[in-house]
Amino acid sequence: MRFFLNILYPPKCVFCGKILNKDGEDVCEDCSEEVMFLSEGEAASKGEFFDGCISAFPYKEKVRAAILRFKNKRCSHYAAPLAKMTAFVFKRDFGDIDKIDMITFVPTDGKTKFRRGYNQAELLAKEFAKELKLPPPKALMYEARKTEKQARLSAEKRKANLLGAIRAKKGAEIKGKNILVVDDIITTGSTLSECARALKTAGSGKVYCVTAAKTEKGAKKPLKK
């Protein structure tokens, strides 16, 4: 069955769309040399409320194009390869995976989820949990009020826009739990900080974050290692 599916729908590079020669590959040879993982120091980000964030790629060029297709062009199948590559960097940099008790994801409003067909952060979280061999993610948060699109706002306005907008769900069993929050991109960190604030207000332990990309320059290492 897989053989016939590959004939009808040949696997393509997540970054450039080139048909792949080998089954099981996610990235073509050219992109594996061109697209760079963030180095250990560059992959880390700090936030106001979360206890650290690790990202796999700089959000630019082919990575940016791939994530935009993932979010807006119904390329839900990108979740698995992006999560696989992000997990590689996370395991490289994070240390003890056993200190993570639960995985969750940044929530989105119903209108956006309906338009896209899914919450891309949720899809990433599901695949990421498989890669780390952790329990499936749980929806621990929700948007308590409508907000403006973060991409249109300055750093200060992003923070004000989200203040109090994300809350932990009632009945979520997170007391003292160390939680990992998954998202596709980190820019100023305001969204992830608000998620962490909501979880800690509800009694969680530490809140860590992971994203496929971050909006900073400086990748040093190629995909091949």
C-alpha atoms as a PDB file:
ATOM      1  CA  MET A   1       0.000   0.000   0.000  1.00  0.00           C
ATOM      2  CA  ARG A   2       2.793   2.415   0.908  1.00  0.00           C
ATOM      3  CA  PHE A   3       4.512   1.622  -2.408  1.00  0.00           C
ATOM      4  CA  PHE A   4       1.428   2.569  -4.418  1.00  0.00           C
ATOM      5  CA  LEU A   5       0.799   5.677  -2.322  1.00  0.00           C
ATOM      6  CA  ASN A   6       4.347   6.845  -3.010  1.00  0.00           C
ATOM      7  CA  ILE A   7       3.703   6.452  -6.746  1.00  0.00           C
ATOM      8  CA  LEU A   8       0.463   8.457  -6.569  1.00  0.00           C
ATOM      9  CA  TYR A   9       1.720  10.968  -4.009  1.00  0.00           C
ATOM     10  CA  PRO A  10       5.535  10.911  -4.080  1.00  0.00           C
ATOM     11  CA  PRO A  11       7.188  12.262  -0.939  1.00  0.00           C
ATOM     12  CA  LYS A  12       8.520  15.789  -1.347  1.00  0.00           C
ATOM     13  CA  CYS A  13      11.072  17.907   0.486  1.00  0.00           C
ATOM     14  CA  VAL A  14       9.354  19.919   3.209  1.00  0.00           C
ATOM     15  CA  PHE A  15      11.470  22.975   2.372  1.00  0.00           C
ATOM     16  CA  CYS A  16      11.520  23.137  -1.437  1.00  0.00           C
ATOM     17  CA  GLY A  17       8.938  20.628  -2.685  1.00  0.00           C
ATOM     18  CA  LYS A  18      11.435  18.559  -4.678  1.00  0.00           C
ATOM     19  CA  ILE A  19      10.458  14.877  -5.072  1.00  0.00           C
ATOM     20  CA  LEU A  20      12.597  12.747  -2.753  1.00  0.00           C
ATOM     21  CA  ASN A  21      14.491   9.736  -4.055  1.00  0.00           C
ATOM     22  CA  LYS A  22      14.389   7.657  -0.884  1.00  0.00           C
ATOM     23  CA  ASP A  23      11.366   6.645   1.157  1.00  0.00           C
ATOM     24  CA  GLY A  24      11.568   7.953   4.722  1.00  0.00           C
ATOM     25  CA  GLU A  25      13.487  11.116   3.865  1.00  0.00           C
ATOM     26  CA  ASP A  26      12.009  14.508   4.751  1.00  0.00           C
ATOM     27  CA  VAL A  27      14.547  16.874   3.183  1.00  0.00           C
ATOM     28  CA  CYS A  28      16.311  16.791  -0.184  1.00  0.00           C
ATOM     29  CA  GLU A  29      20.108  16.750  -0.408  1.00  0.00           C
ATOM     30  CA  ASP A  30      20.335  20.396  -1.467  1.00  0.00           C
ATOM     31  CA  CYS A  31      18.185  21.648   1.412  1.00  0.00           C
ATOM     32  CA  SER A  32      20.025  19.435   3.902  1.00  0.00           C
ATOM     33  CA  GLU A  33      23.136  21.437   3.042  1.00  0.00           C
ATOM     34  CA  GLU A  34      21.459  24.831   2.782  1.00  0.00           C
ATOM     35  CA  VAL A  35      18.972  24.928   5.667  1.00  0.00           C
ATOM     36  CA  MET A  36      20.747  25.290   8.989  1.00  0.00           C
ATOM     37  CA  PHE A  37      19.900  24.175  12.503  1.00  0.00           C
ATOM     38  CA  LEU A  38      20.448  26.816  15.140  1.00  0.00           C
ATOM     39  CA  SER A  39      23.567  26.146  17.215  1.00  0.00           C
ATOM     40  CA  GLU A  40      23.191  25.306  20.893  1.00  0.00           C
ATOM     41  CA  GLY A  41      23.552  28.868  22.145  1.00  0.00           C
ATOM     42  CA  GLU A  42      21.404  30.385  19.411  1.00  0.00           C
ATOM     43  CA  ALA A  43      18.563  27.887  19.821  1.00  0.00           C
ATOM     44  CA  ALA A  44      17.776  29.066  23.352  1.00  0.00           C
ATOM     45  CA  SER A  45      15.418  31.933  24.217  1.00  0.00           C
ATOM     46  CA  LYS A  46      14.417  33.496  27.515  1.00  0.00           C
ATOM     47  CA  GLY A  47      11.001  34.811  28.484  1.00  0.00           C
ATOM     48  CA  GLU A  48       9.285  36.701  31.257  1.00  0.00           C
ATOM     49  CA  PHE A  49       7.426  33.692  32.653  1.00  0.00           C
ATOM     50  CA  PHE A  50       8.665  30.554  30.904  1.00  0.00           C
ATOM     51  CA  ASP A  51      11.776  28.721  32.077  1.00  0.00           C
ATOM     52  CA  GLY A  52      13.503  28.526  28.714  1.00  0.00           C
ATOM     53  CA  CYS A  53      12.676  27.856  25.078  1.00  0.00           C
ATOM     54  CA  ILE A  54      14.521  25.858  22.425  1.00  0.00           C
ATOM     55  CA  SER A  55      14.008  26.384  18.683  1.00  0.00           C
ATOM     56  CA  ALA A  56      15.340  24.363  15.759  1.00  0.00           C
ATOM     57  CA  PHE A  57      15.678  26.880  12.916  1.00  0.00           C
ATOM     58  CA  PRO A  58      15.969  30.590  12.179  1.00  0.00           C
ATOM     59  CA  TYR A  59      12.684  31.840  10.770  1.00  0.00           C
ATOM     60  CA  LYS A  60      13.844  32.907   7.324  1.00  0.00           C
ATOM     61  CA  GLU A  61      13.911  31.906   3.658  1.00  0.00           C
ATOM     62  CA  LYS A  62      12.945  28.245   3.081  1.00  0.00           C
ATOM     63  CA  VAL A  63      12.046  27.633   6.729  1.00  0.00           C
ATOM     64  CA  ARG A  64       9.739  30.641   6.748  1.00  0.00           C
ATOM     65  CA  ALA A  65       8.111  29.536   3.487  1.00  0.00           C
ATOM     66  CA  ALA A  66       7.601  25.991   4.810  1.00  0.00           C
ATOM     67  CA  ILE A  67       5.994  27.163   8.052  1.00  0.00           C
ATOM     68  CA  LEU A  68       3.697  29.556   6.202  1.00  0.00           C
ATOM     69  CA  ARG A  69       2.565  26.687   3.962  1.00  0.00           C
ATOM     70  CA  PHE A  70       2.074  24.542   7.048  1.00  0.00           C
ATOM     71  CA  LYS A  71      -0.080  27.220   8.682  1.00  0.00           C
ATOM     72  CA  ASN A  72      -2.015  28.647   5.762  1.00  0.00           C
ATOM     73  CA  LYS A  73      -1.969  26.170   2.863  1.00  0.00           C
ATOM     74  CA  ARG A  74      -3.357  23.102   4.664  1.00  0.00           C
ATOM     75  CA  CYS A  75      -0.005  21.317   4.551  1.00  0.00           C
ATOM     76  CA  SER A  76      -0.788  19.402   7.729  1.00  0.00           C
ATOM     77  CA  HIS A  77       1.616  16.618   6.680  1.00  0.00           C
ATOM     78  CA  TYR A  78       4.483  19.005   7.457  1.00  0.00           C
ATOM     79  CA  ALA A  79       3.879  18.445  11.175  1.00  0.00           C
ATOM     80  CA  ALA A  80       5.742  15.124  11.313  1.00  0.00           C
ATOM     81  CA  PRO A  81       8.994  16.183   9.585  1.00  0.00           C
ATOM     82  CA  LEU A  82       9.100  19.557  11.370  1.00  0.00           C
ATOM     83  CA  ALA A  83       8.531  17.856  14.717  1.00  0.00           C
ATOM     84  CA  LYS A  84      11.206  15.252  13.944  1.00  0.00           C
ATOM     85  CA  MET A  85      13.824  17.890  13.173  1.00  0.00           C
ATOM     86  CA  THR A  86      12.777  20.064  16.117  1.00  0.00           C
ATOM     87  CA  ALA A  87      13.025  17.057  18.442  1.00  0.00           C
ATOM     88  CA  PHE A  88      16.593  16.480  17.281  1.00  0.00           C
ATOM     89  CA  VAL A  89      17.630  19.964  18.436  1.00  0.00           C
ATOM     90  CA  PHE A  90      15.541  19.768  21.609  1.00  0.00           C
ATOM     91  CA  LYS A  91      17.148  16.496  22.695  1.00  0.00           C
ATOM     92  CA  ARG A  92      20.567  17.929  21.843  1.00  0.00           C
ATOM     93  CA  ASP A  93      20.092  21.008  24.035  1.00  0.00           C
ATOM     94  CA  PHE A  94      17.497  20.335  26.720  1.00  0.00           C
ATOM     95  CA  GLY A  95      19.139  17.671  28.813  1.00  0.00           C
ATOM     96  CA  ASP A  96      16.923  15.474  30.994  1.00  0.00           C
ATOM     97  CA  ILE A  97      13.670  14.763  29.104  1.00  0.00           C
ATOM     98  CA  ASP A  98      12.335  12.935  32.179  1.00  0.00           C
ATOM     99  CA  LYS A  99      11.755  16.218  33.994  1.00  0.00           C
ATOM    100  CA  ILE A 100       8.895  16.994  31.577  1.00  0.00           C
ATOM    101  CA  ASP A 101       5.601  15.745  33.016  1.00  0.00           C
ATOM    102  CA  MET A 102       3.168  16.974  30.365  1.00  0.00           C
ATOM    103  CA  ILE A 103       3.096  18.399  26.843  1.00  0.00           C
ATOM    104  CA  THR A 104       0.611  20.997  25.658  1.00  0.00           C
ATOM    105  CA  PHE A 105       0.362  23.570  22.871  1.00  0.00           C
ATOM    106  CA  VAL A 106      -0.502  27.206  22.275  1.00  0.00           C
ATOM    107  CA  PRO A 107      -4.280  27.495  21.817  1.00  0.00           C
ATOM    108  CA  THR A 108      -5.929  29.253  18.899  1.00  0.00           C
ATOM    109  CA  ASP A 109      -9.363  30.762  18.465  1.00  0.00           C
ATOM    110  CA  GLY A 110     -12.128  28.746  16.820  1.00  0.00           C
ATOM    111  CA  LYS A 111     -12.357  30.990  13.770  1.00  0.00           C
ATOM    112  CA  THR A 112      -8.671  30.635  12.924  1.00  0.00           C
ATOM    113  CA  LYS A 113      -8.754  26.872  13.499  1.00  0.00           C
ATOM    114  CA  PHE A 114     -11.798  26.548  11.229  1.00  0.00           C
ATOM    115  CA  ARG A 115     -10.129  28.598   8.471  1.00  0.00           C
ATOM    116  CA  ARG A 116      -6.891  26.613   8.620  1.00  0.00           C
ATOM    117  CA  GLY A 117      -8.549  23.274   9.273  1.00  0.00           C
ATOM    118  CA  TYR A 118      -6.393  22.601  12.345  1.00  0.00           C
ATOM    119  CA  ASN A 119      -4.234  24.194  15.019  1.00  0.00           C
ATOM    120  CA  GLN A 120      -0.693  23.810  13.698  1.00  0.00           C
ATOM    121  CA  ALA A 121       0.766  23.967  17.216  1.00  0.00           C
ATOM    122  CA  GLU A 122      -1.426  21.042  18.261  1.00  0.00           C
ATOM    123  CA  LEU A 123      -0.311  18.952  15.275  1.00  0.00           C
ATOM    124  CA  LEU A 124       3.334  19.716  16.046  1.00  0.00           C
ATOM    125  CA  ALA A 125       2.808  18.792  19.701  1.00  0.00           C
ATOM    126  CA  LYS A 126       1.289  15.419  18.801  1.00  0.00           C
ATOM    127  CA  GLU A 127       4.197  14.504  16.548  1.00  0.00           C
ATOM    128  CA  PHE A 128       6.759  15.955  18.947  1.00  0.00           C
ATOM    129  CA  ALA A 129       5.409  13.800  21.807  1.00  0.00           C
ATOM    130  CA  LYS A 130       5.858  10.712  19.615  1.00  0.00           C
ATOM    131  CA  GLU A 131       9.459  11.672  18.855  1.00  0.00           C
ATOM    132  CA  LEU A 132      10.236  12.115  22.558  1.00  0.00           C
ATOM    133  CA  LYS A 133       8.228   9.008  23.527  1.00  0.00           C
ATOM    134  CA  LEU A 134       6.109  11.058  25.917  1.00  0.00           C
ATOM    135  CA  PRO A 135       2.339  10.856  26.560  1.00  0.00           C
ATOM    136  CA  PRO A 136       0.135  12.598  23.969  1.00  0.00           C
ATOM    137  CA  PRO A 137      -0.335  16.349  24.497  1.00  0.00           C
ATOM    138  CA  LYS A 138      -3.318  17.722  26.360  1.00  0.00           C
ATOM    139  CA  ALA A 139      -5.237  20.918  25.632  1.00  0.00           C
ATOM    140  CA  LEU A 140      -4.563  22.732  28.908  1.00  0.00           C
ATOM    141  CA  MET A 141      -5.345  26.311  27.821  1.00  0.00           C
ATOM    142  CA  TYR A 142      -7.918  28.346  25.944  1.00  0.00           C
ATOM    143  CA  GLU A 143      -8.270  31.885  24.608  1.00  0.00           C
ATOM    144  CA  ALA A 144     -10.437  33.781  27.076  1.00  0.00           C
ATOM    145  CA  ARG A 145     -11.000  36.745  24.779  1.00  0.00           C
ATOM    146  CA  LYS A 146     -10.445  37.799  21.189  1.00  0.00           C
ATOM    147  CA  THR A 147      -7.094  39.406  20.391  1.00  0.00           C
ATOM    148  CA  GLU A 148      -5.521  41.194  17.461  1.00  0.00           C
ATOM    149  CA  LYS A 149      -3.123  39.326  15.178  1.00  0.00           C
ATOM    150  CA  GLN A 150       0.287  39.395  16.852  1.00  0.00           C
ATOM    151  CA  ALA A 151       2.175  39.754  13.548  1.00  0.00           C
ATOM    152  CA  ARG A 152       0.733  43.242  13.079  1.00  0.00           C
ATOM    153  CA  LEU A 153       1.925  44.576  16.450  1.00  0.00           C
ATOM    154  CA  SER A 154       5.112  45.900  18.021  1.00  0.00           C
ATOM    155  CA  ALA A 155       6.768  44.019  20.879  1.00  0.00           C
ATOM    156  CA  GLU A 156       5.110  46.162  23.562  1.00  0.00           C
ATOM    157  CA  LYS A 157       1.710  45.981  21.895  1.00  0.00           C
ATOM    158  CA  ARG A 158       2.036  42.191  21.533  1.00  0.00           C
ATOM    159  CA  LYS A 159       2.475  41.891  25.272  1.00  0.00           C
ATOM    160  CA  ALA A 160      -0.481  44.158  26.059  1.00  0.00           C
ATOM    161  CA  ASN A 161      -2.630  42.448  23.423  1.00  0.00           C
ATOM    162  CA  LEU A 162      -2.270  39.062  25.127  1.00  0.00           C
ATOM    163  CA  LEU A 163      -2.436  40.110  28.758  1.00  0.00           C
ATOM    164  CA  GLY A 164      -5.041  37.908  30.401  1.00  0.00           C
ATOM    165  CA  ALA A 165      -6.152  36.494  27.040  1.00  0.00           C
ATOM    166  CA  ILE A 166      -4.926  32.939  27.681  1.00  0.00           C
ATOM    167  CA  ARG A 167      -6.105  30.925  30.664  1.00  0.00           C
ATOM    168  CA  ALA A 168      -5.662  27.403  31.970  1.00  0.00           C
ATOM    169  CA  LYS A 169      -8.716  25.185  31.589  1.00  0.00           C
ATOM    170  CA  LYS A 170     -10.695  24.436  34.724  1.00  0.00           C
ATOM    171  CA  GLY A 171     -10.072  20.935  35.938  1.00  0.00           C
ATOM    172  CA  ALA A 172      -6.682  20.648  34.264  1.00  0.00           C
ATOM    173  CA  GLU A 173      -4.560  18.479  36.555  1.00  0.00           C
ATOM    174  CA  ILE A 174      -1.336  20.482  36.417  1.00  0.00           C
ATOM    175  CA  LYS A 175      -0.561  21.140  40.083  1.00  0.00           C
ATOM    176  CA  GLY A 176       3.213  20.995  40.462  1.00  0.00           C
ATOM    177  CA  LYS A 177       3.672  19.522  36.971  1.00  0.00           C
ATOM    178  CA  ASN A 178       6.527  20.593  34.715  1.00  0.00           C
ATOM    179  CA  ILE A 179       4.957  21.398  31.357  1.00  0.00           C
ATOM    180  CA  LEU A 180       6.348  21.740  27.838  1.00  0.00           C
ATOM    181  CA  VAL A 181       4.463  24.156  25.555  1.00  0.00           C
ATOM    182  CA  VAL A 182       4.795  23.644  21.783  1.00  0.00           C
ATOM    183  CA  ASP A 183       4.376  26.301  19.088  1.00  0.00           C
ATOM    184  CA  ASP A 184       5.579  26.859  15.526  1.00  0.00           C
ATOM    185  CA  ILE A 185       7.454  30.165  15.969  1.00  0.00           C
ATOM    186  CA  ILE A 186       8.786  32.363  18.745  1.00  0.00           C
ATOM    187  CA  THR A 187       9.159  36.070  17.924  1.00  0.00           C
ATOM    188  CA  THR A 188       9.137  38.307  21.001  1.00  0.00           C
ATOM    189  CA  GLY A 189       8.133  35.465  23.324  1.00  0.00           C
ATOM    190  CA  SER A 190       4.963  37.250  24.441  1.00  0.00           C
ATOM    191  CA  THR A 191       2.616  34.414  23.441  1.00  0.00           C
ATOM    192  CA  LEU A 192       4.649  31.731  25.179  1.00  0.00           C
ATOM    193  CA  SER A 193       5.136  33.973  28.219  1.00  0.00           C
ATOM    194  CA  GLU A 194       1.388  34.448  28.516  1.00  0.00           C
ATOM    195  CA  CYS A 195       0.877  30.686  28.243  1.00  0.00           C
ATOM    196  CA  ALA A 196       3.436  30.124  30.990  1.00  0.00           C
ATOM    197  CA  ARG A 197       1.844  32.797  33.161  1.00  0.00           C
ATOM    198  CA  ALA A 198      -1.566  31.134  32.793  1.00  0.00           C
ATOM    199  CA  LEU A 199      -0.212  27.679  33.652  1.00  0.00           C
ATOM    200  CA  LYS A 200       1.810  28.872  36.644  1.00  0.00           C
ATOM    201  CA  THR A 201      -1.127  30.893  37.945  1.00  0.00           C
ATOM    202  CA  ALA A 202      -3.092  27.639  37.882  1.00  0.00           C
ATOM    203  CA  GLY A 203      -0.392  25.928  39.946  1.00  0.00           C
ATOM    204  CA  SER A 204       1.976  24.277  37.493  1.00  0.00           C
ATOM    205  CA  GLY A 205       5.656  23.749  38.160  1.00  0.00           C
ATOM    206  CA  LYS A 206       8.198  24.894  35.591  1.00  0.00           C
ATOM    207  CA  VAL A 207       7.084  25.727  32.052  1.00  0.00           C
ATOM    208  CA  TYR A 208       9.435  25.024  29.172  1.00  0.00           C
ATOM    209  CA  CYS A 209       8.786  25.812  25.516  1.00  0.00           C
ATOM    210  CA  VAL A 210       9.848  24.488  22.135  1.00  0.00           C
ATOM    211  CA  THR A 211       9.274  25.882  18.640  1.00  0.00           C
ATOM    212  CA  ALA A 212      10.243  24.883  15.136  1.00  0.00           C
ATOM    213  CA  ALA A 213      11.704  28.326  14.434  1.00  0.00           C
ATOM    214  CA  LYS A 214      12.645  31.657  15.962  1.00  0.00           C
ATOM    215  CA  THR A 215      12.938  35.085  14.374  1.00  0.00           C
ATOM    216  CA  GLU A 216      16.649  35.582  14.948  1.00  0.00           C
ATOM    217  CA  LYS A 217      19.688  35.199  12.713  1.00  0.00           C
ATOM    218  CA  GLY A 218      22.788  33.124  13.195  1.00  0.00           C
ATOM    219  CA  ALA A 219      22.365  29.441  12.239  1.00  0.00           C
ATOM    220  CA  LYS A 220      25.699  27.681  12.137  1.00  0.00           C
ATOM    221  CA  LYS A 221      25.142  23.949  11.717  1.00  0.00           C
ATOM    222  CA  PRO A 222      23.779  22.122   8.665  1.00  0.00           C
ATOM    223  CA  LEU A 223      21.080  19.464   8.873  1.00  0.00           C
ATOM    224  CA  LYS A 224      23.599  16.736   8.189  1.00  0.00           C
ATOM    225  CA  LYS A 225      25.569  15.959  11.304  1.00  0.00           C
END
